Every structure is written in structure tokens, then in C-alpha cells.
Amino acid sequence: MNELTFEINSNEEIWELFDKDLNSIFIHKFVPNEVIEWWKTDLKTQNGTEFKNLSVRQMEMDVQTDLNGLKKILELNNKQLRIYQFEKPISDTLEIQRLQEKNRILILKQNGLKHFFFIDFEFITIGSFESEFISGIELNPKFEKRIAERKRIITEQKTGYNNGYK
């Protein structure tokens, strides 16, 4: 798994990072309204039961969508998202939170995972099984300086050196 982390300026920039050839998107523990307040919504269950005009808060769900749905979700400007890009929709029985951490990435890869995008406020961490995908992002003129700066900071933190001085 190849990974990189860098600062991101907007969700519009995040959209540019996705592989547009992969249309199966999974968002883990999506929260459609990050503010803890009551809001009105309708809900329809799988068996057809409908609830109209519910008041809800702190709603959290796993979402499977396509690139069009992802674009709409990014327009919500959520500050924390766990987005996985698969080559096919994931099965009903796959629950990320139930996977043992040591095997999680391998199991997700076996289920078609290609890339992941973890957004935490102003930072994004991108992981991919394809080194060419990560290299393409690193060479993108919009992101290359930010990526290099983040790598420099991490190296300084690990070594305790700043421009050769301790």
C-alpha cells in the first residue's frame, strides 16, 4: 500500500484526486450533517415502511454510491470523510469496523479496493495499491509543493532535525 498525506484547500481539489475510471464509491460512517442539531428528514426502510418529517441528529451511515453521488457529497463540505474507491460494489456482508485491523487492508483489497481517501479537516491521506496512481498525484503541479513540504516536516519530526540543526 502506497500512501501520502498533504494539506488540501477545498473539497473541489479533493474531487480532482479521484480515479474517474472507478465508479464504485464506499463512504464509511458518513455523517450528512456534522452540526449536532436536530433536522427534518424522511426515511424509507428496505421493507417499504416510510417515516415522514422525522427529527434526527447525529445520523451516521455507510454509503455506497457512484462518482456522481460522491461529487454531491463533497459539495456538503464535510470536514471528515473516509472514502474508499473500489473496482466493484462491496458485498452486503463486508463491514469495515468488524475487520481485524491487521488484516483490514488485505481483506479490502480482496474485495476490490483500489484507493482510499481519508479527509481530516485540512489534511488528506491517500492510499493506493497502484504506485502509478500515487506518483501521478505527487507530480501534479497543484499538489507537488504541498506534498514535498509535508514529507519534509514528517522527516524533521522523525529525525529531530530542522535544516541540519537539532
N, C-alpha and C. Protein backbone atom coordinates (compact mmCIF):
# COMPACT_ATOMS: atom_id res chain seq x y z
N MET A 1 0.86 -1.18 0.00
CA MET A 1 0.00 0.00 0.00
C MET A 1 0.90 1.23 0.00
N ASN A 2 0.69 2.10 -0.97
CA ASN A 2 1.41 3.36 -1.07
C ASN A 2 0.53 4.46 -0.48
N GLU A 3 1.10 5.32 0.34
CA GLU A 3 0.33 6.39 0.98
C GLU A 3 1.05 7.72 0.90
N LEU A 4 0.26 8.77 0.92
CA LEU A 4 0.82 10.11 1.08
C LEU A 4 -0.22 10.99 1.78
N THR A 5 0.27 11.98 2.51
CA THR A 5 -0.58 12.91 3.24
C THR A 5 -0.12 14.32 2.91
N PHE A 6 -1.08 15.21 2.71
CA PHE A 6 -0.74 16.61 2.46
C PHE A 6 -1.94 17.49 2.76
N GLU A 7 -1.69 18.79 2.76
CA GLU A 7 -2.76 19.75 3.03
C GLU A 7 -3.64 19.91 1.80
N ILE A 8 -4.92 20.07 2.06
CA ILE A 8 -5.89 20.27 0.98
C ILE A 8 -6.62 21.59 1.25
N ASN A 9 -6.92 22.33 0.21
CA ASN A 9 -7.53 23.64 0.39
C ASN A 9 -9.04 23.65 0.25
N SER A 10 -9.59 22.65 -0.45
CA SER A 10 -11.04 22.66 -0.66
C SER A 10 -11.50 21.28 -1.10
N ASN A 11 -12.80 21.04 -0.98
CA ASN A 11 -13.34 19.78 -1.46
C ASN A 11 -13.35 19.73 -2.98
N GLU A 12 -13.30 20.88 -3.64
CA GLU A 12 -13.17 20.88 -5.10
C GLU A 12 -11.83 20.27 -5.50
N GLU A 13 -10.78 20.58 -4.74
CA GLU A 13 -9.48 19.97 -5.01
C GLU A 13 -9.52 18.46 -4.78
N ILE A 14 -10.23 18.04 -3.77
CA ILE A 14 -10.33 16.61 -3.46
C ILE A 14 -10.93 15.87 -4.65
N TRP A 15 -11.94 16.44 -5.26
CA TRP A 15 -12.60 15.81 -6.41
C TRP A 15 -11.59 15.48 -7.50
N GLU A 16 -10.61 16.35 -7.72
CA GLU A 16 -9.60 16.14 -8.76
C GLU A 16 -8.75 14.90 -8.52
N LEU A 17 -8.69 14.43 -7.29
CA LEU A 17 -7.79 13.33 -6.93
C LEU A 17 -8.35 11.94 -7.23
N PHE A 18 -9.64 11.81 -7.44
CA PHE A 18 -10.25 10.50 -7.61
C PHE A 18 -9.98 9.92 -8.98
N ASP A 19 -9.89 8.60 -9.03
CA ASP A 19 -9.73 7.86 -10.26
C ASP A 19 -11.10 7.82 -10.94
N LYS A 20 -11.25 8.55 -12.03
CA LYS A 20 -12.55 8.66 -12.70
C LYS A 20 -12.93 7.40 -13.47
N ASP A 21 -12.03 6.39 -13.51
CA ASP A 21 -12.34 5.12 -14.15
C ASP A 21 -12.98 4.12 -13.19
N LEU A 22 -12.99 4.45 -11.90
CA LEU A 22 -13.58 3.56 -10.89
C LEU A 22 -14.83 4.22 -10.33
N ASN A 23 -15.98 3.59 -10.56
CA ASN A 23 -17.26 4.22 -10.24
C ASN A 23 -17.92 3.66 -8.98
N SER A 24 -17.24 2.80 -8.24
CA SER A 24 -17.82 2.23 -7.02
C SER A 24 -17.19 2.92 -5.80
N ILE A 25 -17.98 3.72 -5.15
CA ILE A 25 -17.52 4.52 -4.02
C ILE A 25 -18.20 4.02 -2.75
N PHE A 26 -17.41 3.87 -1.70
CA PHE A 26 -17.93 3.48 -0.40
C PHE A 26 -17.45 4.51 0.61
N ILE A 27 -18.37 5.08 1.36
CA ILE A 27 -18.02 6.05 2.39
C ILE A 27 -18.41 5.43 3.73
N HIS A 28 -17.42 5.26 4.58
CA HIS A 28 -17.60 4.61 5.87
C HIS A 28 -17.98 5.64 6.94
N LYS A 29 -19.07 5.35 7.64
CA LYS A 29 -19.55 6.19 8.74
C LYS A 29 -19.77 7.64 8.30
N PHE A 30 -20.49 7.79 7.21
CA PHE A 30 -20.82 9.12 6.68
C PHE A 30 -21.81 9.82 7.60
N VAL A 31 -21.55 11.07 7.89
CA VAL A 31 -22.43 11.90 8.70
C VAL A 31 -22.90 13.05 7.81
N PRO A 32 -24.16 13.03 7.37
CA PRO A 32 -24.61 14.04 6.41
C PRO A 32 -24.71 15.46 6.98
N ASN A 33 -24.85 15.57 8.28
CA ASN A 33 -24.95 16.89 8.92
C ASN A 33 -24.02 16.88 10.11
N GLU A 34 -22.87 17.55 9.99
CA GLU A 34 -21.86 17.49 11.04
C GLU A 34 -22.22 18.29 12.29
N VAL A 35 -23.11 19.25 12.15
CA VAL A 35 -23.50 20.05 13.30
C VAL A 35 -24.46 19.22 14.15
N ILE A 36 -24.23 19.21 15.44
CA ILE A 36 -25.11 18.45 16.33
C ILE A 36 -26.35 19.30 16.61
N GLU A 37 -27.31 19.11 15.75
CA GLU A 37 -28.59 19.79 15.91
C GLU A 37 -29.65 18.92 15.26
N TRP A 38 -30.88 19.16 15.62
CA TRP A 38 -31.98 18.41 15.04
C TRP A 38 -32.28 18.95 13.65
N TRP A 39 -32.59 18.04 12.71
CA TRP A 39 -33.01 18.45 11.37
C TRP A 39 -34.09 17.49 10.88
N LYS A 40 -34.88 17.98 9.96
CA LYS A 40 -36.03 17.22 9.46
C LYS A 40 -35.63 16.41 8.22
N THR A 41 -36.14 15.16 8.16
CA THR A 41 -35.89 14.31 7.00
C THR A 41 -36.97 13.24 6.90
N ASP A 42 -37.06 12.62 5.74
CA ASP A 42 -37.93 11.47 5.54
C ASP A 42 -37.03 10.23 5.48
N LEU A 43 -37.57 9.10 5.87
CA LEU A 43 -36.80 7.86 5.88
C LEU A 43 -37.68 6.73 5.38
N LYS A 44 -37.13 5.96 4.45
CA LYS A 44 -37.86 4.79 3.93
C LYS A 44 -36.99 3.56 4.19
N THR A 45 -37.55 2.56 4.87
CA THR A 45 -36.79 1.36 5.17
C THR A 45 -36.83 0.40 3.98
N GLN A 46 -35.99 -0.63 4.05
CA GLN A 46 -35.91 -1.60 2.97
C GLN A 46 -37.24 -2.32 2.75
N ASN A 47 -38.00 -2.53 3.82
CA ASN A 47 -39.27 -3.25 3.66
C ASN A 47 -40.42 -2.32 3.24
N GLY A 48 -40.11 -1.06 2.99
CA GLY A 48 -41.12 -0.14 2.48
C GLY A 48 -41.78 0.76 3.50
N THR A 49 -41.47 0.59 4.78
CA THR A 49 -42.03 1.47 5.80
C THR A 49 -41.46 2.87 5.60
N GLU A 50 -42.35 3.86 5.60
CA GLU A 50 -41.91 5.24 5.41
C GLU A 50 -42.20 6.06 6.66
N PHE A 51 -41.21 6.87 7.02
CA PHE A 51 -41.36 7.82 8.10
C PHE A 51 -41.24 9.21 7.49
N LYS A 52 -42.23 10.02 7.71
CA LYS A 52 -42.23 11.38 7.14
C LYS A 52 -41.91 12.39 8.22
N ASN A 53 -41.11 13.38 7.84
CA ASN A 53 -40.84 14.53 8.68
C ASN A 53 -40.25 14.15 10.04
N LEU A 54 -39.31 13.21 10.04
CA LEU A 54 -38.64 12.83 11.28
C LEU A 54 -37.69 13.93 11.72
N SER A 55 -37.50 14.07 13.00
CA SER A 55 -36.43 14.91 13.53
C SER A 55 -35.29 13.98 13.90
N VAL A 56 -34.11 14.23 13.36
CA VAL A 56 -32.95 13.37 13.59
C VAL A 56 -31.74 14.22 13.92
N ARG A 57 -30.76 13.58 14.54
CA ARG A 57 -29.46 14.20 14.74
C ARG A 57 -28.43 13.09 14.88
N GLN A 58 -27.19 13.43 14.65
CA GLN A 58 -26.07 12.50 14.73
C GLN A 58 -26.32 11.23 13.93
N MET A 59 -26.92 11.38 12.77
CA MET A 59 -27.14 10.24 11.89
C MET A 59 -25.81 9.85 11.26
N GLU A 60 -25.49 8.55 11.32
CA GLU A 60 -24.25 8.04 10.78
C GLU A 60 -24.58 6.79 9.98
N MET A 61 -23.97 6.68 8.79
CA MET A 61 -24.30 5.53 7.94
C MET A 61 -23.14 5.22 6.99
N ASP A 62 -23.11 3.98 6.54
CA ASP A 62 -22.22 3.61 5.45
C ASP A 62 -22.98 3.88 4.16
N VAL A 63 -22.29 4.40 3.16
CA VAL A 63 -22.93 4.78 1.90
C VAL A 63 -22.17 4.14 0.74
N GLN A 64 -22.91 3.50 -0.16
CA GLN A 64 -22.35 3.09 -1.44
C GLN A 64 -22.97 3.99 -2.50
N THR A 65 -22.13 4.55 -3.34
CA THR A 65 -22.60 5.46 -4.37
C THR A 65 -21.68 5.36 -5.58
N ASP A 66 -21.90 6.24 -6.53
CA ASP A 66 -21.03 6.32 -7.70
C ASP A 66 -20.32 7.67 -7.67
N LEU A 67 -19.58 7.96 -8.73
CA LEU A 67 -18.84 9.23 -8.77
C LEU A 67 -19.77 10.44 -8.71
N ASN A 68 -20.95 10.36 -9.33
CA ASN A 68 -21.90 11.47 -9.27
C ASN A 68 -22.37 11.72 -7.83
N GLY A 69 -22.67 10.65 -7.12
CA GLY A 69 -23.06 10.78 -5.72
C GLY A 69 -21.94 11.32 -4.86
N LEU A 70 -20.71 10.87 -5.15
CA LEU A 70 -19.55 11.36 -4.42
C LEU A 70 -19.39 12.87 -4.60
N LYS A 71 -19.57 13.32 -5.82
CA LYS A 71 -19.42 14.76 -6.09
C LYS A 71 -20.43 15.56 -5.25
N LYS A 72 -21.66 15.09 -5.16
CA LYS A 72 -22.67 15.77 -4.33
C LYS A 72 -22.29 15.76 -2.86
N ILE A 73 -21.76 14.63 -2.40
CA ILE A 73 -21.34 14.54 -1.00
C ILE A 73 -20.19 15.51 -0.72
N LEU A 74 -19.24 15.61 -1.64
CA LEU A 74 -18.13 16.56 -1.45
C LEU A 74 -18.63 18.00 -1.41
N GLU A 75 -19.71 18.30 -2.11
CA GLU A 75 -20.27 19.65 -2.09
C GLU A 75 -20.84 20.03 -0.72
N LEU A 76 -21.07 19.05 0.14
CA LEU A 76 -21.54 19.32 1.50
C LEU A 76 -20.43 19.92 2.37
N ASN A 77 -19.18 19.82 1.88
CA ASN A 77 -18.02 20.34 2.59
C ASN A 77 -17.83 19.74 3.97
N ASN A 78 -18.07 18.45 4.10
CA ASN A 78 -17.78 17.77 5.35
C ASN A 78 -16.28 17.83 5.61
N LYS A 79 -15.93 17.93 6.85
CA LYS A 79 -14.52 18.08 7.22
C LYS A 79 -13.84 16.76 7.54
N GLN A 80 -14.62 15.69 7.68
CA GLN A 80 -14.05 14.38 7.94
C GLN A 80 -14.82 13.34 7.12
N LEU A 81 -14.10 12.66 6.25
CA LEU A 81 -14.70 11.62 5.41
C LEU A 81 -13.72 10.46 5.28
N ARG A 82 -14.24 9.26 5.22
CA ARG A 82 -13.46 8.05 4.95
C ARG A 82 -14.02 7.45 3.66
N ILE A 83 -13.36 7.73 2.55
CA ILE A 83 -13.85 7.35 1.23
C ILE A 83 -12.96 6.25 0.65
N TYR A 84 -13.60 5.19 0.19
CA TYR A 84 -12.90 4.07 -0.43
C TYR A 84 -13.37 3.96 -1.87
N GLN A 85 -12.44 3.77 -2.79
CA GLN A 85 -12.77 3.61 -4.20
C GLN A 85 -12.48 2.17 -4.60
N PHE A 86 -13.54 1.45 -4.97
CA PHE A 86 -13.46 0.03 -5.32
C PHE A 86 -13.66 -0.15 -6.82
N GLU A 87 -13.24 -1.33 -7.31
CA GLU A 87 -13.48 -1.66 -8.71
C GLU A 87 -14.87 -2.24 -8.90
N LYS A 88 -15.56 -2.58 -7.79
CA LYS A 88 -16.93 -3.11 -7.86
C LYS A 88 -17.61 -2.79 -6.53
N PRO A 89 -18.94 -2.82 -6.49
CA PRO A 89 -19.64 -2.57 -5.22
C PRO A 89 -19.24 -3.63 -4.18
N ILE A 90 -19.19 -3.23 -2.91
CA ILE A 90 -18.84 -4.19 -1.87
C ILE A 90 -20.06 -5.02 -1.48
N SER A 91 -19.80 -6.20 -0.95
CA SER A 91 -20.88 -7.11 -0.60
C SER A 91 -21.64 -6.64 0.64
N ASP A 92 -22.84 -7.14 0.80
CA ASP A 92 -23.67 -6.80 1.96
C ASP A 92 -23.03 -7.22 3.27
N THR A 93 -22.22 -8.27 3.25
CA THR A 93 -21.67 -8.81 4.48
C THR A 93 -20.36 -8.16 4.93
N LEU A 94 -19.76 -7.34 4.08
CA LEU A 94 -18.48 -6.71 4.43
C LEU A 94 -18.73 -5.48 5.30
N GLU A 95 -18.26 -5.54 6.54
CA GLU A 95 -18.38 -4.42 7.47
C GLU A 95 -16.98 -4.05 7.94
N ILE A 96 -16.49 -2.89 7.52
CA ILE A 96 -15.12 -2.49 7.80
C ILE A 96 -14.81 -2.50 9.29
N GLN A 97 -15.72 -2.00 10.11
CA GLN A 97 -15.44 -1.90 11.54
C GLN A 97 -15.30 -3.27 12.21
N ARG A 98 -15.78 -4.33 11.57
CA ARG A 98 -15.66 -5.67 12.15
C ARG A 98 -14.40 -6.40 11.70
N LEU A 99 -13.67 -5.83 10.76
CA LEU A 99 -12.44 -6.46 10.29
C LEU A 99 -11.30 -6.20 11.27
N GLN A 100 -10.50 -7.22 11.54
CA GLN A 100 -9.34 -7.02 12.40
C GLN A 100 -8.39 -6.06 11.71
N GLU A 101 -7.85 -5.14 12.47
CA GLU A 101 -7.01 -4.09 11.90
C GLU A 101 -5.82 -4.65 11.12
N LYS A 102 -5.20 -5.73 11.62
CA LYS A 102 -4.02 -6.27 10.95
C LYS A 102 -4.34 -6.88 9.58
N ASN A 103 -5.60 -7.28 9.36
CA ASN A 103 -6.00 -7.89 8.08
C ASN A 103 -6.88 -6.98 7.23
N ARG A 104 -7.25 -5.84 7.75
CA ARG A 104 -8.25 -4.99 7.11
C ARG A 104 -7.90 -4.64 5.67
N ILE A 105 -6.72 -4.12 5.44
CA ILE A 105 -6.34 -3.68 4.08
C ILE A 105 -6.31 -4.86 3.11
N LEU A 106 -5.79 -5.99 3.55
CA LEU A 106 -5.73 -7.17 2.68
C LEU A 106 -7.14 -7.64 2.31
N ILE A 107 -8.04 -7.68 3.28
CA ILE A 107 -9.41 -8.11 3.00
C ILE A 107 -10.11 -7.12 2.07
N LEU A 108 -9.90 -5.84 2.29
CA LEU A 108 -10.50 -4.84 1.41
C LEU A 108 -9.94 -4.96 -0.01
N LYS A 109 -8.64 -5.23 -0.12
CA LYS A 109 -8.04 -5.42 -1.45
C LYS A 109 -8.67 -6.63 -2.14
N GLN A 110 -8.88 -7.71 -1.41
CA GLN A 110 -9.50 -8.91 -1.97
C GLN A 110 -10.93 -8.63 -2.44
N ASN A 111 -11.55 -7.61 -1.86
CA ASN A 111 -12.91 -7.23 -2.23
C ASN A 111 -12.95 -6.13 -3.28
N GLY A 112 -11.80 -5.78 -3.85
CA GLY A 112 -11.75 -4.84 -4.96
C GLY A 112 -11.31 -3.43 -4.63
N LEU A 113 -10.82 -3.18 -3.41
CA LEU A 113 -10.34 -1.84 -3.07
C LEU A 113 -9.14 -1.46 -3.93
N LYS A 114 -9.18 -0.25 -4.49
CA LYS A 114 -8.05 0.28 -5.25
C LYS A 114 -7.39 1.45 -4.52
N HIS A 115 -8.21 2.39 -4.02
CA HIS A 115 -7.68 3.60 -3.39
C HIS A 115 -8.55 3.97 -2.19
N PHE A 116 -7.95 4.69 -1.23
CA PHE A 116 -8.75 5.29 -0.17
C PHE A 116 -8.32 6.73 0.02
N PHE A 117 -9.25 7.52 0.52
CA PHE A 117 -9.06 8.94 0.73
C PHE A 117 -9.62 9.28 2.11
N PHE A 118 -8.73 9.57 3.06
CA PHE A 118 -9.17 9.93 4.41
C PHE A 118 -8.99 11.43 4.57
N ILE A 119 -10.10 12.13 4.73
CA ILE A 119 -10.09 13.58 4.85
C ILE A 119 -10.28 13.93 6.32
N ASP A 120 -9.32 14.66 6.87
CA ASP A 120 -9.39 15.13 8.25
C ASP A 120 -9.09 16.62 8.25
N PHE A 121 -10.15 17.40 8.19
CA PHE A 121 -10.09 18.85 8.19
C PHE A 121 -9.22 19.33 7.03
N GLU A 122 -8.03 19.89 7.28
CA GLU A 122 -7.25 20.43 6.17
C GLU A 122 -6.27 19.42 5.57
N PHE A 123 -6.26 18.20 6.07
CA PHE A 123 -5.34 17.18 5.55
C PHE A 123 -6.09 16.07 4.85
N ILE A 124 -5.43 15.50 3.84
CA ILE A 124 -5.96 14.31 3.17
C ILE A 124 -4.84 13.27 3.15
N THR A 125 -5.21 12.03 3.45
CA THR A 125 -4.30 10.90 3.31
C THR A 125 -4.87 10.03 2.20
N ILE A 126 -4.04 9.74 1.23
CA ILE A 126 -4.45 8.93 0.09
C ILE A 126 -3.63 7.65 0.11
N GLY A 127 -4.30 6.53 -0.02
CA GLY A 127 -3.62 5.26 -0.10
C GLY A 127 -4.04 4.55 -1.38
N SER A 128 -3.12 3.79 -1.97
CA SER A 128 -3.43 3.08 -3.20
C SER A 128 -2.54 1.86 -3.32
N PHE A 129 -3.08 0.82 -3.93
CA PHE A 129 -2.28 -0.36 -4.26
C PHE A 129 -1.50 -0.13 -5.56
N GLU A 130 -1.79 0.97 -6.24
CA GLU A 130 -1.15 1.28 -7.52
C GLU A 130 -0.18 2.44 -7.33
N SER A 131 1.12 2.15 -7.37
CA SER A 131 2.13 3.19 -7.16
C SER A 131 2.04 4.27 -8.23
N GLU A 132 1.58 3.91 -9.44
CA GLU A 132 1.46 4.92 -10.51
C GLU A 132 0.38 5.96 -10.15
N PHE A 133 -0.66 5.53 -9.47
CA PHE A 133 -1.72 6.45 -9.08
C PHE A 133 -1.17 7.49 -8.10
N ILE A 134 -0.41 7.03 -7.11
CA ILE A 134 0.19 7.94 -6.13
C ILE A 134 1.23 8.84 -6.81
N SER A 135 2.03 8.28 -7.69
CA SER A 135 3.05 9.08 -8.41
C SER A 135 2.40 10.19 -9.23
N GLY A 136 1.26 9.88 -9.85
CA GLY A 136 0.54 10.89 -10.63
C GLY A 136 0.10 12.07 -9.78
N ILE A 137 -0.33 11.79 -8.56
CA ILE A 137 -0.73 12.86 -7.65
C ILE A 137 0.49 13.65 -7.20
N GLU A 138 1.58 12.95 -6.89
CA GLU A 138 2.81 13.62 -6.44
C GLU A 138 3.37 14.54 -7.51
N LEU A 139 3.15 14.21 -8.78
CA LEU A 139 3.69 15.01 -9.88
C LEU A 139 2.72 16.09 -10.36
N ASN A 140 1.52 16.12 -9.83
CA ASN A 140 0.54 17.12 -10.21
C ASN A 140 1.01 18.49 -9.72
N PRO A 141 1.17 19.47 -10.61
CA PRO A 141 1.69 20.79 -10.21
C PRO A 141 0.90 21.46 -9.08
N LYS A 142 -0.39 21.16 -9.00
CA LYS A 142 -1.22 21.77 -7.95
C LYS A 142 -0.85 21.25 -6.56
N PHE A 143 -0.37 20.00 -6.48
CA PHE A 143 -0.15 19.37 -5.18
C PHE A 143 1.31 19.10 -4.84
N GLU A 144 2.22 19.11 -5.82
CA GLU A 144 3.57 18.64 -5.58
C GLU A 144 4.32 19.42 -4.50
N LYS A 145 4.15 20.74 -4.43
CA LYS A 145 4.84 21.53 -3.40
C LYS A 145 4.31 21.20 -2.01
N ARG A 146 3.00 21.05 -1.89
CA ARG A 146 2.40 20.71 -0.59
C ARG A 146 2.84 19.34 -0.12
N ILE A 147 2.92 18.39 -1.06
CA ILE A 147 3.34 17.03 -0.72
C ILE A 147 4.79 17.04 -0.27
N ALA A 148 5.64 17.74 -0.99
CA ALA A 148 7.06 17.83 -0.63
C ALA A 148 7.23 18.48 0.74
N GLU A 149 6.47 19.53 1.01
CA GLU A 149 6.55 20.22 2.31
C GLU A 149 6.12 19.29 3.44
N ARG A 150 5.05 18.55 3.24
CA ARG A 150 4.57 17.62 4.27
C ARG A 150 5.60 16.52 4.53
N LYS A 151 6.22 16.01 3.48
CA LYS A 151 7.25 14.98 3.65
C LYS A 151 8.44 15.54 4.42
N ARG A 152 8.81 16.80 4.14
CA ARG A 152 9.92 17.44 4.84
C ARG A 152 9.60 17.56 6.33
N ILE A 153 8.40 17.99 6.66
CA ILE A 153 8.00 18.15 8.06
C ILE A 153 8.02 16.81 8.78
N ILE A 154 7.50 15.77 8.13
CA ILE A 154 7.48 14.45 8.75
C ILE A 154 8.89 13.94 8.98
N THR A 155 9.78 14.16 8.01
CA THR A 155 11.18 13.74 8.16
C THR A 155 11.82 14.47 9.34
N GLU A 156 11.57 15.77 9.45
CA GLU A 156 12.12 16.55 10.57
C GLU A 156 11.59 16.03 11.91
N GLN A 157 10.33 15.70 11.96
CA GLN A 157 9.75 15.19 13.20
C GLN A 157 10.36 13.85 13.59
N LYS A 158 10.60 13.00 12.60
CA LYS A 158 11.16 11.68 12.89
C LYS A 158 12.62 11.76 13.30
N THR A 159 13.38 12.65 12.68
CA THR A 159 14.81 12.73 12.95
C THR A 159 15.16 13.74 14.03
N GLY A 160 14.27 14.68 14.28
CA GLY A 160 14.57 15.72 15.25
C GLY A 160 15.43 16.83 14.67
N TYR A 161 15.64 16.81 13.36
CA TYR A 161 16.47 17.82 12.71
C TYR A 161 15.62 18.81 11.95
N ASN A 162 16.08 20.06 11.94
CA ASN A 162 15.45 21.12 11.18
C ASN A 162 16.54 21.83 10.40
N ASN A 163 16.58 21.61 9.10
CA ASN A 163 17.62 22.17 8.23
C ASN A 163 19.02 21.85 8.73
N GLY A 164 19.19 20.65 9.24
CA GLY A 164 20.51 20.23 9.67
C GLY A 164 20.84 20.57 11.12
N TYR A 165 19.97 21.30 11.80
CA TYR A 165 20.20 21.68 13.19
C TYR A 165 19.25 20.95 14.09
N LYS A 166 19.74 20.56 15.25
CA LYS A 166 18.90 19.86 16.21
C LYS A 166 18.18 20.83 17.10
